[in-house]
Amino acid sequence: TQNARASAEKFARDSESKLGKIRNASQGQFTISDRDANTPYIKSVRVV
């Protein structure tokens, strides 16, 4: 959410606008995968 807000603030500055309140938000699905083929005992967790 913090990363999303940082992107929105940059867009607002570039468009000479101000960032208002959140209209709505949705959480993506969490994914868990091997970091790489050689270290399957280390997992990469990701969400958007």
ModelCIF file with pLDDT and N, C-alpha, C, O atoms, coordinates in Angstrom:
data_MODEL
#
_entry.id   MODEL 
#
_entity.id                         1 
_entity.type                       polymer 
_entity.pdbx_number_of_molecules   1 
#
_entity_poly.entity_id                      1 
_entity_poly.type                           'polypeptide(L)' 
_entity_poly.nstd_linkage                   no 
_entity_poly.nstd_monomer                   no 
_entity_poly.pdbx_seq_one_letter_code       TQNARASAEKFARDSESKLGKIRNASQGQFTISDRDANTPYIKSVRVV 
_entity_poly.pdbx_seq_one_letter_code_can   TQNARASAEKFARDSESKLGKIRNASQGQFTISDRDANTPYIKSVRVV 
_entity_poly.pdbx_strand_id                 A 
#
loop_
_entity_poly_seq.entity_id 
_entity_poly_seq.num 
_entity_poly_seq.mon_id 
_entity_poly_seq.hetero 
1 1  THR n 
1 2  GLN n 
1 3  ASN n 
1 4  ALA n 
1 5  ARG n 
1 6  ALA n 
1 7  SER n 
1 8  ALA n 
1 9  GLU n 
1 10 LYS n 
1 11 PHE n 
1 12 ALA n 
1 13 ARG n 
1 14 ASP n 
1 15 SER n 
1 16 GLU n 
1 17 SER n 
1 18 LYS n 
1 19 LEU n 
1 20 GLY n 
1 21 LYS n 
1 22 ILE n 
1 23 ARG n 
1 24 ASN n 
1 25 ALA n 
1 26 SER n 
1 27 GLN n 
1 28 GLY n 
1 29 GLN n 
1 30 PHE n 
1 31 THR n 
1 32 ILE n 
1 33 SER n 
1 34 ASP n 
1 35 ARG n 
1 36 ASP n 
1 37 ALA n 
1 38 ASN n 
1 39 THR n 
1 40 PRO n 
1 41 TYR n 
1 42 ILE n 
1 43 LYS n 
1 44 SER n 
1 45 VAL n 
1 46 ARG n 
1 47 VAL n 
1 48 VAL n 
#
_struct_asym.id          A 
_struct_asym.entity_id   1 
#
loop_
_ma_qa_metric.id 
_ma_qa_metric.mode 
_ma_qa_metric.name 
_ma_qa_metric.software_group_id 
_ma_qa_metric.type 
1 global pLDDT . pLDDT 
2 local  pLDDT . pLDDT 
#
_ma_qa_metric_global.metric_id      1 
_ma_qa_metric_global.metric_value   92.77 
_ma_qa_metric_global.model_id       1 
_ma_qa_metric_global.ordinal_id     1 
#
loop_
_ma_qa_metric_local.label_asym_id 
_ma_qa_metric_local.label_comp_id 
_ma_qa_metric_local.label_seq_id 
_ma_qa_metric_local.metric_id 
_ma_qa_metric_local.metric_value 
_ma_qa_metric_local.model_id 
_ma_qa_metric_local.ordinal_id 
A THR 1  2 94.00 1 1  
A GLN 2  2 94.00 1 2  
A ASN 3  2 95.00 1 3  
A ALA 4  2 94.00 1 4  
A ARG 5  2 94.00 1 5  
A ALA 6  2 94.00 1 6  
A SER 7  2 93.00 1 7  
A ALA 8  2 93.00 1 8  
A GLU 9  2 93.00 1 9  
A LYS 10 2 92.00 1 10 
A PHE 11 2 89.00 1 11 
A ALA 12 2 90.00 1 12 
A ARG 13 2 91.00 1 13 
A ASP 14 2 89.00 1 14 
A SER 15 2 86.00 1 15 
A GLU 16 2 86.00 1 16 
A SER 17 2 88.00 1 17 
A LYS 18 2 90.00 1 18 
A LEU 19 2 91.00 1 19 
A GLY 20 2 89.00 1 20 
A LYS 21 2 89.00 1 21 
A ILE 22 2 89.00 1 22 
A ARG 23 2 90.00 1 23 
A ASN 24 2 91.00 1 24 
A ALA 25 2 90.00 1 25 
A SER 26 2 90.00 1 26 
A GLN 27 2 88.00 1 27 
A GLY 28 2 89.00 1 28 
A GLN 29 2 92.00 1 29 
A PHE 30 2 96.00 1 30 
A THR 31 2 96.00 1 31 
A ILE 32 2 97.00 1 32 
A SER 33 2 96.00 1 33 
A ASP 34 2 96.00 1 34 
A ARG 35 2 95.00 1 35 
A ASP 36 2 94.00 1 36 
A ALA 37 2 91.00 1 37 
A ASN 38 2 93.00 1 38 
A THR 39 2 95.00 1 39 
A PRO 40 2 96.00 1 40 
A TYR 41 2 96.00 1 41 
A ILE 42 2 97.00 1 42 
A LYS 43 2 98.00 1 43 
A SER 44 2 97.00 1 44 
A VAL 45 2 98.00 1 45 
A ARG 46 2 97.00 1 46 
A VAL 47 2 97.00 1 47 
A VAL 48 2 95.00 1 48 
#
loop_
_atom_site.group_PDB 
_atom_site.id 
_atom_site.type_symbol 
_atom_site.label_atom_id 
_atom_site.label_alt_id 
_atom_site.label_comp_id 
_atom_site.label_asym_id 
_atom_site.label_entity_id 
_atom_site.label_seq_id 
_atom_site.pdbx_PDB_ins_code 
_atom_site.Cartn_x 
_atom_site.Cartn_y 
_atom_site.Cartn_z 
_atom_site.occupancy 
_atom_site.B_iso_or_equiv 
_atom_site.pdbx_formal_charge 
_atom_site.auth_seq_id 
_atom_site.auth_comp_id 
_atom_site.auth_asym_id 
_atom_site.auth_atom_id 
_atom_site.pdbx_PDB_model_num 
ATOM 1   N N  . THR A 1 1  ? 0.826   -1.207  0.000   1.00 94.00 ? 1  THR A N  1 
ATOM 2   C CA . THR A 1 1  ? 0.000   0.000   0.000   1.00 94.00 ? 1  THR A CA 1 
ATOM 3   C C  . THR A 1 1  ? 0.860   1.257   0.000   1.00 94.00 ? 1  THR A C  1 
ATOM 4   O O  . THR A 1 1  ? 0.535   2.231   -0.679  1.00 94.00 ? 1  THR A O  1 
ATOM 5   N N  . GLN A 1 2  ? 1.944   1.243   0.750   1.00 94.00 ? 2  GLN A N  1 
ATOM 6   C CA . GLN A 1 2  ? 2.861   2.389   0.767   1.00 94.00 ? 2  GLN A CA 1 
ATOM 7   C C  . GLN A 1 2  ? 3.490   2.604   -0.617  1.00 94.00 ? 2  GLN A C  1 
ATOM 8   O O  . GLN A 1 2  ? 3.620   3.739   -1.078  1.00 94.00 ? 2  GLN A O  1 
ATOM 9   N N  . ASN A 1 3  ? 3.872   1.520   -1.262  1.00 95.00 ? 3  ASN A N  1 
ATOM 10  C CA . ASN A 1 3  ? 4.456   1.629   -2.602  1.00 95.00 ? 3  ASN A CA 1 
ATOM 11  C C  . ASN A 1 3  ? 3.434   2.159   -3.605  1.00 95.00 ? 3  ASN A C  1 
ATOM 12  O O  . ASN A 1 3  ? 3.776   2.932   -4.500  1.00 95.00 ? 3  ASN A O  1 
ATOM 13  N N  . ALA A 1 4  ? 2.178   1.738   -3.449  1.00 94.00 ? 4  ALA A N  1 
ATOM 14  C CA . ALA A 1 4  ? 1.132   2.249   -4.333  1.00 94.00 ? 4  ALA A CA 1 
ATOM 15  C C  . ALA A 1 4  ? 0.932   3.744   -4.123  1.00 94.00 ? 4  ALA A C  1 
ATOM 16  O O  . ALA A 1 4  ? 0.786   4.493   -5.089  1.00 94.00 ? 4  ALA A O  1 
ATOM 17  N N  . ARG A 1 5  ? 0.923   4.180   -2.872  1.00 94.00 ? 5  ARG A N  1 
ATOM 18  C CA . ARG A 1 5  ? 0.732   5.607   -2.587  1.00 94.00 ? 5  ARG A CA 1 
ATOM 19  C C  . ARG A 1 5  ? 1.893   6.438   -3.146  1.00 94.00 ? 5  ARG A C  1 
ATOM 20  O O  . ARG A 1 5  ? 1.676   7.538   -3.653  1.00 94.00 ? 5  ARG A O  1 
ATOM 21  N N  . ALA A 1 6  ? 3.112   5.923   -3.058  1.00 94.00 ? 6  ALA A N  1 
ATOM 22  C CA . ALA A 1 6  ? 4.257   6.657   -3.602  1.00 94.00 ? 6  ALA A CA 1 
ATOM 23  C C  . ALA A 1 6  ? 4.095   6.859   -5.106  1.00 94.00 ? 6  ALA A C  1 
ATOM 24  O O  . ALA A 1 6  ? 4.411   7.928   -5.628  1.00 94.00 ? 6  ALA A O  1 
ATOM 25  N N  . SER A 1 7  ? 3.611   5.844   -5.795  1.00 93.00 ? 7  SER A N  1 
ATOM 26  C CA . SER A 1 7  ? 3.379   5.977   -7.237  1.00 93.00 ? 7  SER A CA 1 
ATOM 27  C C  . SER A 1 7  ? 2.272   6.983   -7.523  1.00 93.00 ? 7  SER A C  1 
ATOM 28  O O  . SER A 1 7  ? 2.372   7.774   -8.461  1.00 93.00 ? 7  SER A O  1 
ATOM 29  N N  . ALA A 1 8  ? 1.210   6.951   -6.711  1.00 93.00 ? 8  ALA A N  1 
ATOM 30  C CA . ALA A 1 8  ? 0.099   7.878   -6.915  1.00 93.00 ? 8  ALA A CA 1 
ATOM 31  C C  . ALA A 1 8  ? 0.535   9.323   -6.658  1.00 93.00 ? 8  ALA A C  1 
ATOM 32  O O  . ALA A 1 8  ? 0.129   10.228  -7.387  1.00 93.00 ? 8  ALA A O  1 
ATOM 33  N N  . GLU A 1 9  ? 1.349   9.546   -5.636  1.00 93.00 ? 9  GLU A N  1 
ATOM 34  C CA . GLU A 1 9  ? 1.822   10.899  -5.330  1.00 93.00 ? 9  GLU A CA 1 
ATOM 35  C C  . GLU A 1 9  ? 2.675   11.456  -6.462  1.00 93.00 ? 9  GLU A C  1 
ATOM 36  O O  . GLU A 1 9  ? 2.585   12.641  -6.786  1.00 93.00 ? 9  GLU A O  1 
ATOM 37  N N  . LYS A 1 10 ? 3.497   10.610  -7.060  1.00 92.00 ? 10 LYS A N  1 
ATOM 38  C CA . LYS A 1 10 ? 4.317   11.063  -8.189  1.00 92.00 ? 10 LYS A CA 1 
ATOM 39  C C  . LYS A 1 10 ? 3.424   11.426  -9.375  1.00 92.00 ? 10 LYS A C  1 
ATOM 40  O O  . LYS A 1 10 ? 3.648   12.435  -10.045 1.00 92.00 ? 10 LYS A O  1 
ATOM 41  N N  . PHE A 1 11 ? 2.424   10.606  -9.623  1.00 89.00 ? 11 PHE A N  1 
ATOM 42  C CA . PHE A 1 11 ? 1.492   10.904  -10.719 1.00 89.00 ? 11 PHE A CA 1 
ATOM 43  C C  . PHE A 1 11 ? 0.784   12.228  -10.468 1.00 89.00 ? 11 PHE A C  1 
ATOM 44  O O  . PHE A 1 11 ? 0.624   13.037  -11.382 1.00 89.00 ? 11 PHE A O  1 
ATOM 45  N N  . ALA A 1 12 ? 0.357   12.447  -9.217  1.00 90.00 ? 12 ALA A N  1 
ATOM 46  C CA . ALA A 1 12 ? -0.342  13.691  -8.892  1.00 90.00 ? 12 ALA A CA 1 
ATOM 47  C C  . ALA A 1 12 ? 0.562   14.891  -9.118  1.00 90.00 ? 12 ALA A C  1 
ATOM 48  O O  . ALA A 1 12 ? 0.124   15.897  -9.676  1.00 90.00 ? 12 ALA A O  1 
ATOM 49  N N  . ARG A 1 13 ? 1.820   14.799  -8.693  1.00 91.00 ? 13 ARG A N  1 
ATOM 50  C CA . ARG A 1 13 ? 2.759   15.915  -8.903  1.00 91.00 ? 13 ARG A CA 1 
ATOM 51  C C  . ARG A 1 13 ? 2.961   16.181  -10.394 1.00 91.00 ? 13 ARG A C  1 
ATOM 52  O O  . ARG A 1 13 ? 2.955   17.330  -10.836 1.00 91.00 ? 13 ARG A O  1 
ATOM 53  N N  . ASP A 1 14 ? 3.139   15.115  -11.157 1.00 89.00 ? 14 ASP A N  1 
ATOM 54  C CA . ASP A 1 14 ? 3.382   15.280  -12.592 1.00 89.00 ? 14 ASP A CA 1 
ATOM 55  C C  . ASP A 1 14 ? 2.180   15.882  -13.318 1.00 89.00 ? 14 ASP A C  1 
ATOM 56  O O  . ASP A 1 14 ? 2.332   16.559  -14.335 1.00 89.00 ? 14 ASP A O  1 
ATOM 57  N N  . SER A 1 15 ? 0.982   15.628  -12.782 1.00 86.00 ? 15 SER A N  1 
ATOM 58  C CA . SER A 1 15 ? -0.232  16.160  -13.423 1.00 86.00 ? 15 SER A CA 1 
ATOM 59  C C  . SER A 1 15 ? -0.704  17.453  -12.761 1.00 86.00 ? 15 SER A C  1 
ATOM 60  O O  . SER A 1 15 ? -1.807  17.925  -13.034 1.00 86.00 ? 15 SER A O  1 
ATOM 61  N N  . GLU A 1 16 ? 0.139   18.029  -11.885 1.00 86.00 ? 16 GLU A N  1 
ATOM 62  C CA . GLU A 1 16 ? -0.181  19.276  -11.178 1.00 86.00 ? 16 GLU A CA 1 
ATOM 63  C C  . GLU A 1 16 ? -1.502  19.155  -10.429 1.00 86.00 ? 16 GLU A C  1 
ATOM 64  O O  . GLU A 1 16 ? -2.341  20.056  -10.451 1.00 86.00 ? 16 GLU A O  1 
ATOM 65  N N  . SER A 1 17 ? -1.658  18.022  -9.771  1.00 88.00 ? 17 SER A N  1 
ATOM 66  C CA . SER A 1 17 ? -2.848  17.779  -8.960  1.00 88.00 ? 17 SER A CA 1 
ATOM 67  C C  . SER A 1 17 ? -2.413  17.437  -7.543  1.00 88.00 ? 17 SER A C  1 
ATOM 68  O O  . SER A 1 17 ? -1.225  17.319  -7.243  1.00 88.00 ? 17 SER A O  1 
ATOM 69  N N  . LYS A 1 18 ? -3.404  17.285  -6.690  1.00 90.00 ? 18 LYS A N  1 
ATOM 70  C CA . LYS A 1 18 ? -3.146  16.834  -5.333  1.00 90.00 ? 18 LYS A CA 1 
ATOM 71  C C  . LYS A 1 18 ? -3.811  15.485  -5.123  1.00 90.00 ? 18 LYS A C  1 
ATOM 72  O O  . LYS A 1 18 ? -4.885  15.204  -5.655  1.00 90.00 ? 18 LYS A O  1 
ATOM 73  N N  . LEU A 1 19 ? -3.147  14.671  -4.338  1.00 91.00 ? 19 LEU A N  1 
ATOM 74  C CA . LEU A 1 19 ? -3.681  13.335  -4.084  1.00 91.00 ? 19 LEU A CA 1 
ATOM 75  C C  . LEU A 1 19 ? -4.752  13.401  -3.002  1.00 91.00 ? 19 LEU A C  1 
ATOM 76  O O  . LEU A 1 19 ? -4.523  13.935  -1.917  1.00 91.00 ? 19 LEU A O  1 
ATOM 77  N N  . GLY A 1 20 ? -5.927  12.851  -3.314  1.00 89.00 ? 20 GLY A N  1 
ATOM 78  C CA . GLY A 1 20 ? -7.019  12.849  -2.364  1.00 89.00 ? 20 GLY A CA 1 
ATOM 79  C C  . GLY A 1 20 ? -7.117  11.538  -1.608  1.00 89.00 ? 20 GLY A C  1 
ATOM 80  O O  . GLY A 1 20 ? -6.134  10.817  -1.439  1.00 89.00 ? 20 GLY A O  1 
ATOM 81  N N  . LYS A 1 21 ? -8.319  11.250  -1.161  1.00 89.00 ? 21 LYS A N  1 
ATOM 82  C CA . LYS A 1 21 ? -8.553  10.038  -0.387  1.00 89.00 ? 21 LYS A CA 1 
ATOM 83  C C  . LYS A 1 21 ? -8.597  8.813   -1.297  1.00 89.00 ? 21 LYS A C  1 
ATOM 84  O O  . LYS A 1 21 ? -8.688  8.917   -2.521  1.00 89.00 ? 21 LYS A O  1 
ATOM 85  N N  . ILE A 1 22 ? -8.528  7.653   -0.652  1.00 89.00 ? 22 ILE A N  1 
ATOM 86  C CA . ILE A 1 22 ? -8.660  6.404   -1.393  1.00 89.00 ? 22 ILE A CA 1 
ATOM 87  C C  . ILE A 1 22 ? -10.117 6.202   -1.804  1.00 89.00 ? 22 ILE A C  1 
ATOM 88  O O  . ILE A 1 22 ? -11.023 6.280   -0.975  1.00 89.00 ? 22 ILE A O  1 
ATOM 89  N N  . ARG A 1 23 ? -10.327 5.946   -3.076  1.00 90.00 ? 23 ARG A N  1 
ATOM 90  C CA . ARG A 1 23 ? -11.677 5.647   -3.546  1.00 90.00 ? 23 ARG A CA 1 
ATOM 91  C C  . ARG A 1 23 ? -12.038 4.195   -3.242  1.00 90.00 ? 23 ARG A C  1 
ATOM 92  O O  . ARG A 1 23 ? -13.091 3.911   -2.670  1.00 90.00 ? 23 ARG A O  1 
ATOM 93  N N  . ASN A 1 24 ? -11.162 3.296   -3.626  1.00 91.00 ? 24 ASN A N  1 
ATOM 94  C CA . ASN A 1 24 ? -11.310 1.879   -3.295  1.00 91.00 ? 24 ASN A CA 1 
ATOM 95  C C  . ASN A 1 24 ? -9.964  1.194   -3.500  1.00 91.00 ? 24 ASN A C  1 
ATOM 96  O O  . ASN A 1 24 ? -9.058  1.747   -4.124  1.00 91.00 ? 24 ASN A O  1 
ATOM 97  N N  . ALA A 1 25 ? -9.851  -0.002  -2.971  1.00 90.00 ? 25 ALA A N  1 
ATOM 98  C CA . ALA A 1 25 ? -8.598  -0.760  -3.069  1.00 90.00 ? 25 ALA A CA 1 
ATOM 99  C C  . ALA A 1 25 ? -8.923  -2.240  -3.106  1.00 90.00 ? 25 ALA A C  1 
ATOM 100 O O  . ALA A 1 25 ? -9.945  -2.681  -2.579  1.00 90.00 ? 25 ALA A O  1 
ATOM 101 N N  . SER A 1 26 ? -8.045  -2.996  -3.731  1.00 90.00 ? 26 SER A N  1 
ATOM 102 C CA . SER A 1 26 ? -8.210  -4.449  -3.783  1.00 90.00 ? 26 SER A CA 1 
ATOM 103 C C  . SER A 1 26 ? -6.858  -5.110  -3.571  1.00 90.00 ? 26 SER A C  1 
ATOM 104 O O  . SER A 1 26 ? -5.837  -4.670  -4.098  1.00 90.00 ? 26 SER A O  1 
ATOM 105 N N  . GLN A 1 27 ? -6.880  -6.171  -2.791  1.00 88.00 ? 27 GLN A N  1 
ATOM 106 C CA . GLN A 1 27 ? -5.654  -6.918  -2.509  1.00 88.00 ? 27 GLN A CA 1 
ATOM 107 C C  . GLN A 1 27 ? -5.521  -8.069  -3.478  1.00 88.00 ? 27 GLN A C  1 
ATOM 108 O O  . GLN A 1 27 ? -6.458  -8.847  -3.660  1.00 88.00 ? 27 GLN A O  1 
ATOM 109 N N  . GLY A 1 28 ? -4.361  -8.183  -4.102  1.00 89.00 ? 28 GLY A N  1 
ATOM 110 C CA . GLY A 1 28 ? -4.115  -9.292  -5.009  1.00 89.00 ? 28 GLY A CA 1 
ATOM 111 C C  . GLY A 1 28 ? -3.832  -10.578 -4.248  1.00 89.00 ? 28 GLY A C  1 
ATOM 112 O O  . GLY A 1 28 ? -3.770  -10.588 -3.019  1.00 89.00 ? 28 GLY A O  1 
ATOM 113 N N  . GLN A 1 29 ? -3.665  -11.648 -4.986  1.00 92.00 ? 29 GLN A N  1 
ATOM 114 C CA . GLN A 1 29 ? -3.401  -12.953 -4.376  1.00 92.00 ? 29 GLN A CA 1 
ATOM 115 C C  . GLN A 1 29 ? -1.930  -13.069 -4.004  1.00 92.00 ? 29 GLN A C  1 
ATOM 116 O O  . GLN A 1 29 ? -1.054  -12.661 -4.766  1.00 92.00 ? 29 GLN A O  1 
ATOM 117 N N  . PHE A 1 30 ? -1.668  -13.623 -2.835  1.00 96.00 ? 30 PHE A N  1 
ATOM 118 C CA . PHE A 1 30 ? -0.292  -13.902 -2.438  1.00 96.00 ? 30 PHE A CA 1 
ATOM 119 C C  . PHE A 1 30 ? 0.212   -15.114 -3.208  1.00 96.00 ? 30 PHE A C  1 
ATOM 120 O O  . PHE A 1 30 ? -0.494  -16.110 -3.362  1.00 96.00 ? 30 PHE A O  1 
ATOM 121 N N  . THR A 1 31 ? 1.446   -15.010 -3.689  1.00 96.00 ? 31 THR A N  1 
ATOM 122 C CA . THR A 1 31 ? 2.075   -16.145 -4.370  1.00 96.00 ? 31 THR A CA 1 
ATOM 123 C C  . THR A 1 31 ? 3.373   -16.498 -3.651  1.00 96.00 ? 31 THR A C  1 
ATOM 124 O O  . THR A 1 31 ? 4.117   -15.621 -3.210  1.00 96.00 ? 31 THR A O  1 
ATOM 125 N N  . ILE A 1 32 ? 3.626   -17.789 -3.545  1.00 97.00 ? 32 ILE A N  1 
ATOM 126 C CA . ILE A 1 32 ? 4.862   -18.291 -2.929  1.00 97.00 ? 32 ILE A CA 1 
ATOM 127 C C  . ILE A 1 32 ? 5.547   -19.197 -3.937  1.00 97.00 ? 32 ILE A C  1 
ATOM 128 O O  . ILE A 1 32 ? 4.952   -20.160 -4.421  1.00 97.00 ? 32 ILE A O  1 
ATOM 129 N N  . SER A 1 33 ? 6.791   -18.890 -4.251  1.00 96.00 ? 33 SER A N  1 
ATOM 130 C CA . SER A 1 33 ? 7.528   -19.679 -5.232  1.00 96.00 ? 33 SER A CA 1 
ATOM 131 C C  . SER A 1 33 ? 8.981   -19.824 -4.780  1.00 96.00 ? 33 SER A C  1 
ATOM 132 O O  . SER A 1 33 ? 9.438   -19.108 -3.889  1.00 96.00 ? 33 SER A O  1 
ATOM 133 N N  . ASP A 1 34 ? 9.695   -20.750 -5.398  1.00 96.00 ? 34 ASP A N  1 
ATOM 134 C CA . ASP A 1 34 ? 11.122  -20.901 -5.108  1.00 96.00 ? 34 ASP A CA 1 
ATOM 135 C C  . ASP A 1 34 ? 11.862  -19.643 -5.560  1.00 96.00 ? 34 ASP A C  1 
ATOM 136 O O  . ASP A 1 34 ? 11.552  -19.067 -6.603  1.00 96.00 ? 34 ASP A O  1 
ATOM 137 N N  . ARG A 1 35 ? 12.836  -19.232 -4.767  1.00 95.00 ? 35 ARG A N  1 
ATOM 138 C CA . ARG A 1 35 ? 13.625  -18.068 -5.187  1.00 95.00 ? 35 ARG A CA 1 
ATOM 139 C C  . ARG A 1 35 ? 14.307  -18.337 -6.520  1.00 95.00 ? 35 ARG A C  1 
ATOM 140 O O  . ARG A 1 35 ? 14.341  -17.471 -7.394  1.00 95.00 ? 35 ARG A O  1 
ATOM 141 N N  . ASP A 1 36 ? 14.848  -19.540 -6.671  1.00 94.00 ? 36 ASP A N  1 
ATOM 142 C CA . ASP A 1 36 ? 15.423  -19.981 -7.937  1.00 94.00 ? 36 ASP A CA 1 
ATOM 143 C C  . ASP A 1 36 ? 15.508  -21.497 -7.901  1.00 94.00 ? 36 ASP A C  1 
ATOM 144 O O  . ASP A 1 36 ? 15.185  -22.120 -6.889  1.00 94.00 ? 36 ASP A O  1 
ATOM 145 N N  . ALA A 1 37 ? 15.943  -22.092 -9.010  1.00 91.00 ? 37 ALA A N  1 
ATOM 146 C CA . ALA A 1 37 ? 15.962  -23.548 -9.122  1.00 91.00 ? 37 ALA A CA 1 
ATOM 147 C C  . ALA A 1 37 ? 17.001  -24.193 -8.208  1.00 91.00 ? 37 ALA A C  1 
ATOM 148 O O  . ALA A 1 37 ? 16.878  -25.370 -7.872  1.00 91.00 ? 37 ALA A O  1 
ATOM 149 N N  . ASN A 1 38 ? 18.012  -23.445 -7.806  1.00 93.00 ? 38 ASN A N  1 
ATOM 150 C CA . ASN A 1 38 ? 19.098  -24.012 -7.006  1.00 93.00 ? 38 ASN A CA 1 
ATOM 151 C C  . ASN A 1 38 ? 18.867  -23.899 -5.505  1.00 93.00 ? 38 ASN A C  1 
ATOM 152 O O  . ASN A 1 38 ? 19.531  -24.583 -4.726  1.00 93.00 ? 38 ASN A O  1 
ATOM 153 N N  . THR A 1 39 ? 17.940  -23.048 -5.090  1.00 95.00 ? 39 THR A N  1 
ATOM 154 C CA . THR A 1 39 ? 17.679  -22.872 -3.659  1.00 95.00 ? 39 THR A CA 1 
ATOM 155 C C  . THR A 1 39 ? 16.180  -22.969 -3.380  1.00 95.00 ? 39 THR A C  1 
ATOM 156 O O  . THR A 1 39 ? 15.564  -21.976 -2.994  1.00 95.00 ? 39 THR A O  1 
ATOM 157 N N  . PRO A 1 40 ? 15.583  -24.144 -3.568  1.00 96.00 ? 40 PRO A N  1 
ATOM 158 C CA . PRO A 1 40 ? 14.137  -24.288 -3.321  1.00 96.00 ? 40 PRO A CA 1 
ATOM 159 C C  . PRO A 1 40 ? 13.766  -24.136 -1.854  1.00 96.00 ? 40 PRO A C  1 
ATOM 160 O O  . PRO A 1 40 ? 12.587  -23.994 -1.531  1.00 96.00 ? 40 PRO A O  1 
ATOM 161 N N  . TYR A 1 41 ? 14.752  -24.164 -0.956  1.00 96.00 ? 41 TYR A N  1 
ATOM 162 C CA . TYR A 1 41 ? 14.484  -24.003 0.473   1.00 96.00 ? 41 TYR A CA 1 
ATOM 163 C C  . TYR A 1 41 ? 14.409  -22.530 0.872   1.00 96.00 ? 41 TYR A C  1 
ATOM 164 O O  . TYR A 1 41 ? 14.217  -22.218 2.047   1.00 96.00 ? 41 TYR A O  1 
ATOM 165 N N  . ILE A 1 42 ? 14.558  -21.624 -0.094  1.00 97.00 ? 42 ILE A N  1 
ATOM 166 C CA . ILE A 1 42 ? 14.322  -20.205 0.134   1.00 97.00 ? 42 ILE A CA 1 
ATOM 167 C C  . ILE A 1 42 ? 13.159  -19.794 -0.764  1.00 97.00 ? 42 ILE A C  1 
ATOM 168 O O  . ILE A 1 42 ? 13.203  -19.998 -1.977  1.00 97.00 ? 42 ILE A O  1 
ATOM 169 N N  . LYS A 1 43 ? 12.129  -19.221 -0.173  1.00 98.00 ? 43 LYS A N  1 
ATOM 170 C CA . LYS A 1 43 ? 10.916  -18.902 -0.895  1.00 98.00 ? 43 LYS A CA 1 
ATOM 171 C C  . LYS A 1 43 ? 10.786  -17.395 -1.140  1.00 98.00 ? 43 LYS A C  1 
ATOM 172 O O  . LYS A 1 43 ? 11.227  -16.573 -0.337  1.00 98.00 ? 43 LYS A O  1 
ATOM 173 N N  . SER A 1 44 ? 10.179  -17.070 -2.256  1.00 97.00 ? 44 SER A N  1 
ATOM 174 C CA . SER A 1 44 ? 9.876   -15.682 -2.588  1.00 97.00 ? 44 SER A CA 1 
ATOM 175 C C  . SER A 1 44 ? 8.363   -15.487 -2.465  1.00 97.00 ? 44 SER A C  1 
ATOM 176 O O  . SER A 1 44 ? 7.581   -16.132 -3.164  1.00 97.00 ? 44 SER A O  1 
ATOM 177 N N  . VAL A 1 45 ? 7.967   -14.583 -1.563  1.00 98.00 ? 45 VAL A N  1 
ATOM 178 C CA . VAL A 1 45 ? 6.544   -14.291 -1.339  1.00 98.00 ? 45 VAL A CA 1 
ATOM 179 C C  . VAL A 1 45 ? 6.241   -12.952 -2.007  1.00 98.00 ? 45 VAL A C  1 
ATOM 180 O O  . VAL A 1 45 ? 7.003   -11.995 -1.870  1.00 98.00 ? 45 VAL A O  1 
ATOM 181 N N  . ARG A 1 46 ? 5.122   -12.891 -2.732  1.00 97.00 ? 46 ARG A N  1 
ATOM 182 C CA . ARG A 1 46 ? 4.832   -11.705 -3.540  1.00 97.00 ? 46 ARG A CA 1 
ATOM 183 C C  . ARG A 1 46 ? 3.339   -11.376 -3.469  1.00 97.00 ? 46 ARG A C  1 
ATOM 184 O O  . ARG A 1 46 ? 2.499   -12.276 -3.462  1.00 97.00 ? 46 ARG A O  1 
ATOM 185 N N  . VAL A 1 47 ? 3.017   -10.091 -3.417  1.00 97.00 ? 47 VAL A N  1 
ATOM 186 C CA . VAL A 1 47 ? 1.629   -9.654  -3.475  1.00 97.00 ? 47 VAL A CA 1 
ATOM 187 C C  . VAL A 1 47 ? 1.567   -8.294  -4.169  1.00 97.00 ? 47 VAL A C  1 
ATOM 188 O O  . VAL A 1 47 ? 2.459   -7.461  -4.008  1.00 97.00 ? 47 VAL A O  1 
ATOM 189 N N  . VAL A 1 48 ? 0.509   -8.085  -4.938  1.00 95.00 ? 48 VAL A N  1 
ATOM 190 C CA . VAL A 1 48 ? 0.285   -6.805  -5.617  1.00 95.00 ? 48 VAL A CA 1 
ATOM 191 C C  . VAL A 1 48 ? -1.087  -6.285  -5.205  1.00 95.00 ? 48 VAL A C  1 
ATOM 192 O O  . VAL A 1 48 ? -1.502  -5.215  -5.651  1.00 95.00 ? 48 VAL A O  1 
#
